[in-house]
């Protein structure tokens, strides 16, 4: 992960499941909308041999009774050995953002950390302010914390196995 970016959000949670089980639940991003009510869709545009690829995602950031729709396009990389999952946003307002999911064995389960780093949008004068004051803490953290909590529930409930309706990979 690149260091020294103006915007950094960290969401973490102890998940009561083995690291490999949580990793498996997280890496099957195409199943996220079935488990996470705030995700509108996840579509692979291209598949990579590591299980990642070019992924289009859309989620809602709820604000009480109202939700704000978000959309982004990412290059997804899956590191099976570590294990880790990385995204590089290449489309949408968060273009240039780097994201890493890490899975560290811990007493009682797995410490899962989701780190987002970004230089902010290329908006003159207000770009960094918008990223560090609104986009990061309100939108990124708001969506990531819900995503982590929801996928933790999946891993704990199913032992890390995602639904049996997994889409075939080409």
N, C-alpha and C. Protein backbone atom coordinates (compact mmCIF):
# COMPACT_ATOMS: atom_id res chain seq x y z
N UNK A 1 0.84 -1.18 0.00
CA UNK A 1 0.00 0.00 0.00
C UNK A 1 0.89 1.24 0.00
N UNK A 2 0.56 2.18 -0.84
CA UNK A 2 1.33 3.43 -0.85
C UNK A 2 1.16 4.17 0.48
N UNK A 3 2.24 4.70 1.01
CA UNK A 3 2.19 5.44 2.28
C UNK A 3 2.14 6.94 2.02
N UNK A 4 1.70 7.68 3.02
CA UNK A 4 1.73 9.13 2.94
C UNK A 4 0.65 9.77 2.10
N UNK A 5 -0.44 9.07 1.85
CA UNK A 5 -1.54 9.64 1.10
C UNK A 5 -2.37 10.52 2.04
N UNK A 6 -2.94 11.62 1.55
CA UNK A 6 -3.69 12.52 2.43
C UNK A 6 -4.90 11.86 3.10
N UNK A 7 -5.61 10.97 2.36
CA UNK A 7 -6.78 10.32 2.93
C UNK A 7 -6.45 8.87 3.23
N UNK A 8 -6.71 8.47 4.46
CA UNK A 8 -6.55 7.07 4.85
C UNK A 8 -7.68 6.71 5.79
N UNK A 9 -8.37 5.63 5.47
CA UNK A 9 -9.38 5.10 6.39
C UNK A 9 -8.99 3.67 6.70
N UNK A 10 -9.21 3.29 7.94
CA UNK A 10 -8.94 1.91 8.37
C UNK A 10 -10.17 1.41 9.10
N UNK A 11 -10.69 0.31 8.61
CA UNK A 11 -11.78 -0.39 9.28
C UNK A 11 -11.24 -1.76 9.64
N UNK A 12 -11.45 -2.18 10.87
CA UNK A 12 -10.97 -3.50 11.27
C UNK A 12 -11.92 -4.14 12.24
N UNK A 13 -11.87 -5.47 12.26
CA UNK A 13 -12.79 -6.23 13.11
C UNK A 13 -12.20 -7.59 13.36
N UNK A 14 -12.37 -8.09 14.59
CA UNK A 14 -12.03 -9.47 14.89
C UNK A 14 -13.20 -10.34 14.43
N UNK A 15 -12.92 -11.25 13.52
CA UNK A 15 -13.95 -12.14 12.98
C UNK A 15 -13.71 -13.53 13.56
N UNK A 16 -14.73 -14.11 14.10
CA UNK A 16 -14.60 -15.41 14.75
C UNK A 16 -14.68 -16.54 13.73
N UNK A 17 -13.66 -16.56 12.87
CA UNK A 17 -13.51 -17.59 11.84
C UNK A 17 -12.03 -17.63 11.45
N UNK A 18 -11.63 -18.73 10.85
CA UNK A 18 -10.24 -18.86 10.39
C UNK A 18 -9.95 -17.85 9.29
N UNK A 19 -8.68 -17.42 9.19
CA UNK A 19 -8.27 -16.43 8.19
C UNK A 19 -8.66 -16.89 6.78
N UNK A 20 -8.43 -18.14 6.46
CA UNK A 20 -8.75 -18.65 5.13
C UNK A 20 -10.25 -18.57 4.87
N UNK A 21 -11.06 -18.84 5.88
CA UNK A 21 -12.52 -18.79 5.72
C UNK A 21 -13.00 -17.37 5.44
N UNK A 22 -12.45 -16.40 6.16
CA UNK A 22 -12.84 -15.01 5.93
C UNK A 22 -12.37 -14.56 4.55
N UNK A 23 -11.14 -14.90 4.21
CA UNK A 23 -10.59 -14.57 2.89
C UNK A 23 -11.49 -15.10 1.78
N UNK A 24 -11.95 -16.33 1.91
CA UNK A 24 -12.83 -16.93 0.88
C UNK A 24 -14.15 -16.17 0.77
N UNK A 25 -14.72 -15.77 1.91
CA UNK A 25 -15.98 -15.02 1.87
C UNK A 25 -15.79 -13.67 1.19
N UNK A 26 -14.65 -13.02 1.45
CA UNK A 26 -14.40 -11.69 0.91
C UNK A 26 -14.05 -11.74 -0.57
N UNK A 27 -13.25 -12.71 -0.98
CA UNK A 27 -12.74 -12.69 -2.36
C UNK A 27 -13.82 -12.95 -3.42
N UNK A 28 -14.94 -13.52 -3.02
CA UNK A 28 -16.03 -13.78 -3.97
C UNK A 28 -16.94 -12.54 -4.04
N UNK A 29 -16.38 -11.47 -4.58
CA UNK A 29 -17.07 -10.18 -4.60
C UNK A 29 -18.39 -10.21 -5.36
N UNK A 30 -18.50 -11.07 -6.35
CA UNK A 30 -19.74 -11.13 -7.12
C UNK A 30 -20.92 -11.59 -6.25
N UNK A 31 -20.64 -12.18 -5.10
CA UNK A 31 -21.69 -12.63 -4.18
C UNK A 31 -22.05 -11.58 -3.14
N UNK A 32 -21.29 -10.49 -3.07
CA UNK A 32 -21.55 -9.49 -2.03
C UNK A 32 -22.98 -8.98 -2.03
N UNK A 33 -23.60 -8.66 -3.17
CA UNK A 33 -24.99 -8.15 -3.11
C UNK A 33 -25.98 -9.14 -2.49
N UNK A 34 -25.71 -10.43 -2.57
CA UNK A 34 -26.60 -11.41 -1.95
C UNK A 34 -26.52 -11.37 -0.43
N UNK A 35 -25.39 -10.90 0.10
CA UNK A 35 -25.17 -10.87 1.55
C UNK A 35 -25.26 -9.47 2.15
N UNK A 36 -25.09 -8.45 1.32
CA UNK A 36 -24.96 -7.08 1.81
C UNK A 36 -26.04 -6.20 1.19
N UNK A 37 -26.98 -5.76 1.99
CA UNK A 37 -28.12 -5.02 1.45
C UNK A 37 -27.73 -3.67 0.85
N UNK A 38 -26.59 -3.12 1.25
CA UNK A 38 -26.18 -1.81 0.72
C UNK A 38 -25.49 -1.91 -0.64
N UNK A 39 -25.17 -3.13 -1.10
CA UNK A 39 -24.57 -3.29 -2.43
C UNK A 39 -25.67 -3.47 -3.46
N UNK A 40 -25.61 -2.64 -4.51
CA UNK A 40 -26.59 -2.73 -5.58
C UNK A 40 -26.19 -3.80 -6.59
N UNK A 41 -24.90 -3.84 -6.96
CA UNK A 41 -24.40 -4.89 -7.85
C UNK A 41 -22.88 -4.92 -7.81
N UNK A 42 -22.35 -6.07 -8.24
CA UNK A 42 -20.92 -6.26 -8.47
C UNK A 42 -20.82 -7.08 -9.74
N UNK A 43 -20.09 -6.55 -10.73
CA UNK A 43 -19.97 -7.24 -12.03
C UNK A 43 -18.51 -7.32 -12.44
N UNK A 44 -18.10 -8.50 -12.84
CA UNK A 44 -16.78 -8.64 -13.43
C UNK A 44 -16.86 -8.26 -14.90
N UNK A 45 -16.03 -7.34 -15.32
CA UNK A 45 -15.90 -7.02 -16.74
C UNK A 45 -14.85 -7.91 -17.38
N UNK A 46 -13.84 -8.26 -16.60
CA UNK A 46 -12.78 -9.17 -17.05
C UNK A 46 -12.34 -9.99 -15.85
N UNK A 47 -11.96 -11.24 -16.10
CA UNK A 47 -11.44 -12.10 -15.05
C UNK A 47 -9.93 -12.23 -15.20
N UNK A 48 -9.23 -12.30 -14.08
CA UNK A 48 -7.80 -12.55 -14.06
C UNK A 48 -7.57 -13.96 -13.53
N UNK A 49 -6.40 -14.52 -13.81
CA UNK A 49 -6.12 -15.89 -13.40
C UNK A 49 -6.02 -16.05 -11.89
N UNK A 50 -5.77 -14.96 -11.14
CA UNK A 50 -5.67 -15.05 -9.68
C UNK A 50 -7.03 -15.03 -8.99
N UNK A 51 -8.11 -14.87 -9.75
CA UNK A 51 -9.44 -14.79 -9.16
C UNK A 51 -9.95 -13.36 -9.07
N UNK A 52 -9.10 -12.41 -9.39
CA UNK A 52 -9.51 -11.01 -9.42
C UNK A 52 -9.91 -10.62 -10.83
N UNK A 53 -9.62 -9.38 -11.19
CA UNK A 53 -9.93 -8.90 -12.53
C UNK A 53 -10.45 -7.47 -12.47
N UNK A 54 -11.14 -7.10 -13.50
CA UNK A 54 -11.73 -5.77 -13.59
C UNK A 54 -13.16 -5.86 -13.08
N UNK A 55 -13.44 -5.14 -11.98
CA UNK A 55 -14.70 -5.28 -11.27
C UNK A 55 -15.42 -3.94 -11.18
N UNK A 56 -16.68 -3.93 -11.57
CA UNK A 56 -17.54 -2.77 -11.44
C UNK A 56 -18.43 -2.98 -10.22
N UNK A 57 -18.45 -1.99 -9.32
CA UNK A 57 -19.22 -2.12 -8.09
C UNK A 57 -20.12 -0.90 -7.89
N UNK A 58 -21.27 -1.14 -7.27
CA UNK A 58 -22.17 -0.05 -6.93
C UNK A 58 -22.79 -0.37 -5.57
N UNK A 59 -22.79 0.64 -4.72
CA UNK A 59 -23.36 0.47 -3.38
C UNK A 59 -24.10 1.74 -2.99
N UNK A 60 -24.91 1.63 -1.99
CA UNK A 60 -25.60 2.79 -1.43
C UNK A 60 -24.98 3.13 -0.08
N UNK A 61 -24.84 4.42 0.17
CA UNK A 61 -24.42 4.88 1.50
C UNK A 61 -25.68 5.40 2.17
N UNK A 62 -26.21 4.63 3.15
CA UNK A 62 -27.45 5.05 3.78
C UNK A 62 -27.26 6.24 4.72
N UNK A 63 -28.23 7.12 4.71
CA UNK A 63 -28.33 8.25 5.62
C UNK A 63 -29.75 8.24 6.17
N UNK A 64 -30.00 7.43 7.18
CA UNK A 64 -31.36 7.31 7.71
C UNK A 64 -32.28 6.70 6.67
N UNK A 65 -33.31 7.44 6.29
CA UNK A 65 -34.28 6.94 5.32
C UNK A 65 -33.84 7.13 3.87
N UNK A 66 -32.76 7.87 3.66
CA UNK A 66 -32.28 8.19 2.32
C UNK A 66 -30.94 7.50 2.08
N UNK A 67 -30.71 7.06 0.84
CA UNK A 67 -29.43 6.45 0.48
C UNK A 67 -28.81 7.22 -0.67
N UNK A 68 -27.49 7.35 -0.63
CA UNK A 68 -26.75 8.01 -1.69
C UNK A 68 -26.09 6.93 -2.54
N UNK A 69 -26.40 6.85 -3.85
CA UNK A 69 -25.80 5.82 -4.69
C UNK A 69 -24.34 6.14 -5.03
N UNK A 70 -23.49 5.11 -5.00
CA UNK A 70 -22.08 5.26 -5.37
C UNK A 70 -21.75 4.20 -6.42
N UNK A 71 -20.69 4.48 -7.19
CA UNK A 71 -20.26 3.57 -8.26
C UNK A 71 -18.76 3.72 -8.42
N UNK A 72 -18.07 2.61 -8.69
CA UNK A 72 -16.64 2.67 -9.00
C UNK A 72 -16.22 1.44 -9.78
N UNK A 73 -15.09 1.56 -10.44
CA UNK A 73 -14.50 0.49 -11.24
C UNK A 73 -13.12 0.22 -10.67
N UNK A 74 -12.81 -1.05 -10.41
CA UNK A 74 -11.54 -1.40 -9.77
C UNK A 74 -10.83 -2.54 -10.49
N UNK A 75 -9.51 -2.48 -10.41
CA UNK A 75 -8.69 -3.63 -10.76
C UNK A 75 -8.49 -4.40 -9.46
N UNK A 76 -8.91 -5.65 -9.43
CA UNK A 76 -8.85 -6.47 -8.23
C UNK A 76 -7.73 -7.49 -8.37
N UNK A 77 -6.91 -7.59 -7.34
CA UNK A 77 -5.80 -8.55 -7.30
C UNK A 77 -5.98 -9.43 -6.08
N UNK A 78 -5.86 -10.74 -6.26
CA UNK A 78 -6.03 -11.69 -5.16
C UNK A 78 -4.69 -12.37 -4.90
N UNK A 79 -4.19 -12.21 -3.70
CA UNK A 79 -2.94 -12.84 -3.25
C UNK A 79 -3.34 -14.02 -2.36
N UNK A 80 -3.31 -15.22 -2.92
CA UNK A 80 -3.75 -16.41 -2.20
C UNK A 80 -2.75 -16.82 -1.13
N UNK A 81 -1.48 -16.53 -1.31
CA UNK A 81 -0.45 -16.97 -0.37
C UNK A 81 -0.48 -16.18 0.92
N UNK A 82 -0.67 -14.87 0.86
CA UNK A 82 -0.52 -14.03 2.06
C UNK A 82 -1.58 -14.29 3.11
N UNK A 83 -2.84 -14.39 2.99
CA UNK A 83 -3.71 -13.94 1.90
C UNK A 83 -4.03 -12.44 2.03
N UNK A 84 -4.32 -11.83 0.89
CA UNK A 84 -4.71 -10.41 0.85
C UNK A 84 -5.49 -10.17 -0.44
N UNK A 85 -6.31 -9.15 -0.42
CA UNK A 85 -7.06 -8.74 -1.61
C UNK A 85 -6.84 -7.25 -1.77
N UNK A 86 -6.48 -6.84 -2.98
CA UNK A 86 -6.20 -5.43 -3.24
C UNK A 86 -7.06 -4.94 -4.41
N UNK A 87 -7.46 -3.70 -4.29
CA UNK A 87 -8.21 -3.04 -5.35
C UNK A 87 -7.52 -1.72 -5.68
N UNK A 88 -7.50 -1.40 -6.95
CA UNK A 88 -7.03 -0.08 -7.42
C UNK A 88 -8.19 0.51 -8.19
N UNK A 89 -8.79 1.60 -7.67
CA UNK A 89 -9.94 2.23 -8.33
C UNK A 89 -9.45 2.95 -9.58
N UNK A 90 -10.06 2.60 -10.72
CA UNK A 90 -9.67 3.20 -12.00
C UNK A 90 -10.82 3.94 -12.67
N UNK A 91 -11.98 3.95 -12.03
CA UNK A 91 -13.13 4.66 -12.55
C UNK A 91 -14.03 5.12 -11.43
N UNK A 92 -14.70 6.24 -11.62
CA UNK A 92 -15.57 6.81 -10.60
C UNK A 92 -14.87 7.94 -9.87
N UNK A 93 -15.57 8.55 -8.94
CA UNK A 93 -15.01 9.69 -8.20
C UNK A 93 -13.76 9.32 -7.42
N UNK A 94 -13.62 8.05 -7.04
CA UNK A 94 -12.47 7.61 -6.24
C UNK A 94 -11.32 7.05 -7.09
N UNK A 95 -11.25 7.42 -8.35
CA UNK A 95 -10.15 6.99 -9.21
C UNK A 95 -8.81 7.30 -8.54
N UNK A 96 -7.93 6.31 -8.53
CA UNK A 96 -6.62 6.45 -7.90
C UNK A 96 -6.56 5.92 -6.48
N UNK A 97 -7.69 5.53 -5.90
CA UNK A 97 -7.70 4.99 -4.54
C UNK A 97 -7.14 3.58 -4.54
N UNK A 98 -6.36 3.26 -3.52
CA UNK A 98 -5.86 1.90 -3.30
C UNK A 98 -6.53 1.35 -2.05
N UNK A 99 -6.92 0.07 -2.12
CA UNK A 99 -7.62 -0.60 -1.03
C UNK A 99 -6.95 -1.94 -0.79
N UNK A 100 -6.79 -2.28 0.48
CA UNK A 100 -6.24 -3.60 0.81
C UNK A 100 -7.04 -4.22 1.95
N UNK A 101 -7.44 -5.47 1.73
CA UNK A 101 -8.04 -6.30 2.76
C UNK A 101 -6.95 -7.25 3.23
N UNK A 102 -6.66 -7.27 4.53
CA UNK A 102 -5.68 -8.21 5.07
C UNK A 102 -6.34 -9.06 6.15
N UNK A 103 -5.80 -10.25 6.34
CA UNK A 103 -6.39 -11.26 7.21
C UNK A 103 -5.29 -11.84 8.09
N UNK A 104 -5.29 -11.49 9.37
CA UNK A 104 -4.23 -11.91 10.28
C UNK A 104 -4.81 -12.81 11.36
N UNK A 105 -4.30 -14.05 11.47
CA UNK A 105 -4.77 -14.92 12.55
C UNK A 105 -4.56 -14.24 13.91
N UNK A 106 -5.55 -14.36 14.78
CA UNK A 106 -5.51 -13.75 16.11
C UNK A 106 -6.23 -14.67 17.09
N UNK A 107 -6.02 -14.43 18.38
CA UNK A 107 -6.74 -15.20 19.39
C UNK A 107 -8.24 -15.04 19.16
N UNK A 108 -8.93 -16.14 19.00
CA UNK A 108 -10.37 -16.09 18.83
C UNK A 108 -10.83 -15.93 17.39
N UNK A 109 -9.91 -15.88 16.43
CA UNK A 109 -10.33 -15.76 15.04
C UNK A 109 -9.32 -15.08 14.16
N UNK A 110 -9.78 -14.07 13.41
CA UNK A 110 -8.96 -13.38 12.42
C UNK A 110 -9.18 -11.88 12.53
N UNK A 111 -8.09 -11.13 12.60
CA UNK A 111 -8.20 -9.68 12.54
C UNK A 111 -8.25 -9.30 11.06
N UNK A 112 -9.35 -8.73 10.64
CA UNK A 112 -9.52 -8.29 9.25
C UNK A 112 -9.39 -6.78 9.23
N UNK A 113 -8.50 -6.28 8.38
CA UNK A 113 -8.29 -4.83 8.22
C UNK A 113 -8.57 -4.45 6.78
N UNK A 114 -9.33 -3.39 6.62
CA UNK A 114 -9.61 -2.82 5.30
C UNK A 114 -9.03 -1.42 5.31
N UNK A 115 -8.00 -1.20 4.50
CA UNK A 115 -7.32 0.08 4.44
C UNK A 115 -7.58 0.72 3.09
N UNK A 116 -8.01 1.97 3.11
CA UNK A 116 -8.20 2.78 1.89
C UNK A 116 -7.24 3.95 1.96
N UNK A 117 -6.45 4.18 0.91
CA UNK A 117 -5.58 5.35 0.83
C UNK A 117 -5.81 6.04 -0.50
N UNK A 118 -5.70 7.38 -0.49
CA UNK A 118 -6.07 8.13 -1.69
C UNK A 118 -5.54 9.55 -1.61
N UNK A 119 -5.23 10.11 -2.75
CA UNK A 119 -4.82 11.51 -2.85
C UNK A 119 -6.01 12.44 -3.02
N UNK A 120 -7.19 11.90 -3.18
CA UNK A 120 -8.39 12.71 -3.35
C UNK A 120 -8.69 12.97 -4.80
N UNK A 121 -9.87 13.51 -5.06
CA UNK A 121 -10.24 13.83 -6.45
C UNK A 121 -9.40 15.01 -6.95
N UNK A 122 -9.26 15.10 -8.24
CA UNK A 122 -8.47 16.18 -8.84
C UNK A 122 -9.30 17.44 -9.00
N UNK A 123 -9.80 17.91 -7.89
CA UNK A 123 -10.59 19.14 -7.88
C UNK A 123 -9.70 20.25 -7.36
N UNK A 124 -9.54 21.30 -8.12
CA UNK A 124 -8.70 22.41 -7.64
C UNK A 124 -9.20 22.94 -6.29
N UNK A 125 -8.29 23.24 -5.42
CA UNK A 125 -8.50 23.86 -4.12
C UNK A 125 -9.18 22.93 -3.10
N UNK A 126 -10.29 22.29 -3.46
CA UNK A 126 -11.06 21.54 -2.45
C UNK A 126 -10.89 20.02 -2.51
N UNK A 127 -10.09 19.48 -3.44
CA UNK A 127 -9.98 18.03 -3.61
C UNK A 127 -9.55 17.29 -2.35
N UNK A 128 -8.44 17.69 -1.75
CA UNK A 128 -7.95 17.01 -0.56
C UNK A 128 -8.91 17.23 0.62
N UNK A 129 -9.43 18.44 0.76
CA UNK A 129 -10.40 18.71 1.82
C UNK A 129 -11.63 17.80 1.68
N UNK A 130 -12.14 17.68 0.47
CA UNK A 130 -13.32 16.83 0.24
C UNK A 130 -13.01 15.38 0.58
N UNK A 131 -11.81 14.91 0.19
CA UNK A 131 -11.44 13.52 0.46
C UNK A 131 -11.29 13.24 1.95
N UNK A 132 -10.63 14.13 2.66
CA UNK A 132 -10.33 13.88 4.07
C UNK A 132 -11.46 14.25 5.01
N UNK A 133 -12.36 15.13 4.59
CA UNK A 133 -13.44 15.59 5.47
C UNK A 133 -14.79 14.96 5.18
N UNK A 134 -15.03 14.56 3.93
CA UNK A 134 -16.35 14.04 3.57
C UNK A 134 -16.26 12.66 2.93
N UNK A 135 -15.55 12.54 1.83
CA UNK A 135 -15.56 11.28 1.07
C UNK A 135 -15.01 10.13 1.91
N UNK A 136 -13.85 10.32 2.53
CA UNK A 136 -13.24 9.26 3.34
C UNK A 136 -14.05 8.90 4.58
N UNK A 137 -14.23 9.84 5.50
CA UNK A 137 -14.90 9.48 6.75
C UNK A 137 -16.40 9.20 6.62
N UNK A 138 -17.07 9.82 5.67
CA UNK A 138 -18.52 9.65 5.56
C UNK A 138 -18.88 8.53 4.58
N UNK A 139 -18.33 8.56 3.38
CA UNK A 139 -18.71 7.58 2.36
C UNK A 139 -17.86 6.31 2.42
N UNK A 140 -16.54 6.44 2.34
CA UNK A 140 -15.68 5.26 2.32
C UNK A 140 -15.86 4.46 3.61
N UNK A 141 -15.67 5.11 4.75
CA UNK A 141 -15.84 4.41 6.03
C UNK A 141 -17.28 3.90 6.18
N UNK A 142 -18.26 4.69 5.78
CA UNK A 142 -19.65 4.27 5.90
C UNK A 142 -19.97 3.01 5.14
N UNK A 143 -19.41 2.87 3.96
CA UNK A 143 -19.64 1.66 3.15
C UNK A 143 -18.74 0.53 3.61
N UNK A 144 -17.45 0.81 3.83
CA UNK A 144 -16.49 -0.24 4.20
C UNK A 144 -16.83 -0.89 5.54
N UNK A 145 -17.25 -0.10 6.51
CA UNK A 145 -17.57 -0.68 7.82
C UNK A 145 -18.78 -1.62 7.71
N UNK A 146 -19.76 -1.25 6.90
CA UNK A 146 -20.92 -2.13 6.69
C UNK A 146 -20.53 -3.39 5.92
N UNK A 147 -19.65 -3.22 4.94
CA UNK A 147 -19.20 -4.36 4.15
C UNK A 147 -18.42 -5.35 5.03
N UNK A 148 -17.50 -4.85 5.82
CA UNK A 148 -16.72 -5.70 6.71
C UNK A 148 -17.62 -6.42 7.71
N UNK A 149 -18.52 -5.71 8.34
CA UNK A 149 -19.42 -6.34 9.32
C UNK A 149 -20.30 -7.41 8.67
N UNK A 150 -20.81 -7.13 7.49
CA UNK A 150 -21.67 -8.10 6.80
C UNK A 150 -20.91 -9.34 6.36
N UNK A 151 -19.71 -9.16 5.83
CA UNK A 151 -18.92 -10.31 5.39
C UNK A 151 -18.38 -11.09 6.59
N UNK A 152 -18.16 -10.41 7.72
CA UNK A 152 -17.78 -11.12 8.94
C UNK A 152 -18.91 -12.06 9.37
N UNK A 153 -20.15 -11.57 9.29
CA UNK A 153 -21.29 -12.42 9.64
C UNK A 153 -21.37 -13.63 8.72
N UNK A 154 -21.11 -13.43 7.43
CA UNK A 154 -21.13 -14.55 6.47
C UNK A 154 -20.06 -15.57 6.85
N UNK A 155 -18.85 -15.12 7.10
CA UNK A 155 -17.74 -16.03 7.43
C UNK A 155 -18.02 -16.77 8.73
N UNK A 156 -18.55 -16.08 9.71
CA UNK A 156 -18.83 -16.73 10.99
C UNK A 156 -19.98 -17.73 10.86
N UNK A 157 -20.99 -17.39 10.09
CA UNK A 157 -22.17 -18.25 9.93
C UNK A 157 -21.87 -19.47 9.06
N UNK A 158 -21.14 -19.24 7.99
CA UNK A 158 -20.94 -20.31 7.01
C UNK A 158 -19.55 -20.91 7.06
N UNK A 159 -18.76 -20.53 8.05
CA UNK A 159 -17.40 -21.06 8.12
C UNK A 159 -16.54 -20.60 6.97
N UNK A 160 -16.92 -19.47 6.36
CA UNK A 160 -16.12 -18.92 5.27
C UNK A 160 -16.53 -19.40 3.90
N UNK A 161 -17.48 -20.31 3.82
CA UNK A 161 -17.92 -20.75 2.51
C UNK A 161 -19.02 -19.84 2.04
N UNK A 162 -18.90 -19.34 0.86
CA UNK A 162 -19.94 -18.49 0.29
C UNK A 162 -21.05 -19.36 -0.23
N UNK A 163 -22.05 -18.75 -0.79
CA UNK A 163 -23.23 -19.50 -1.23
C UNK A 163 -22.86 -20.56 -2.26
N UNK A 164 -23.70 -21.56 -2.38
CA UNK A 164 -23.45 -22.63 -3.33
C UNK A 164 -23.77 -22.20 -4.75
N UNK A 165 -24.32 -21.02 -4.93
CA UNK A 165 -24.66 -20.53 -6.26
C UNK A 165 -23.53 -19.70 -6.86
N UNK A 166 -22.29 -20.09 -6.61
CA UNK A 166 -21.13 -19.34 -7.07
C UNK A 166 -21.11 -19.31 -8.60
N UNK A 167 -20.81 -18.15 -9.15
CA UNK A 167 -20.73 -18.02 -10.60
C UNK A 167 -19.48 -18.71 -11.12
N UNK A 168 -19.57 -19.41 -12.23
CA UNK A 168 -18.36 -20.05 -12.78
C UNK A 168 -17.39 -19.02 -13.32
N UNK A 169 -16.13 -19.29 -13.20
CA UNK A 169 -15.08 -18.42 -13.74
C UNK A 169 -14.68 -18.96 -15.11
N UNK A 170 -14.51 -18.05 -16.06
CA UNK A 170 -14.09 -18.53 -17.40
C UNK A 170 -12.69 -19.10 -17.37
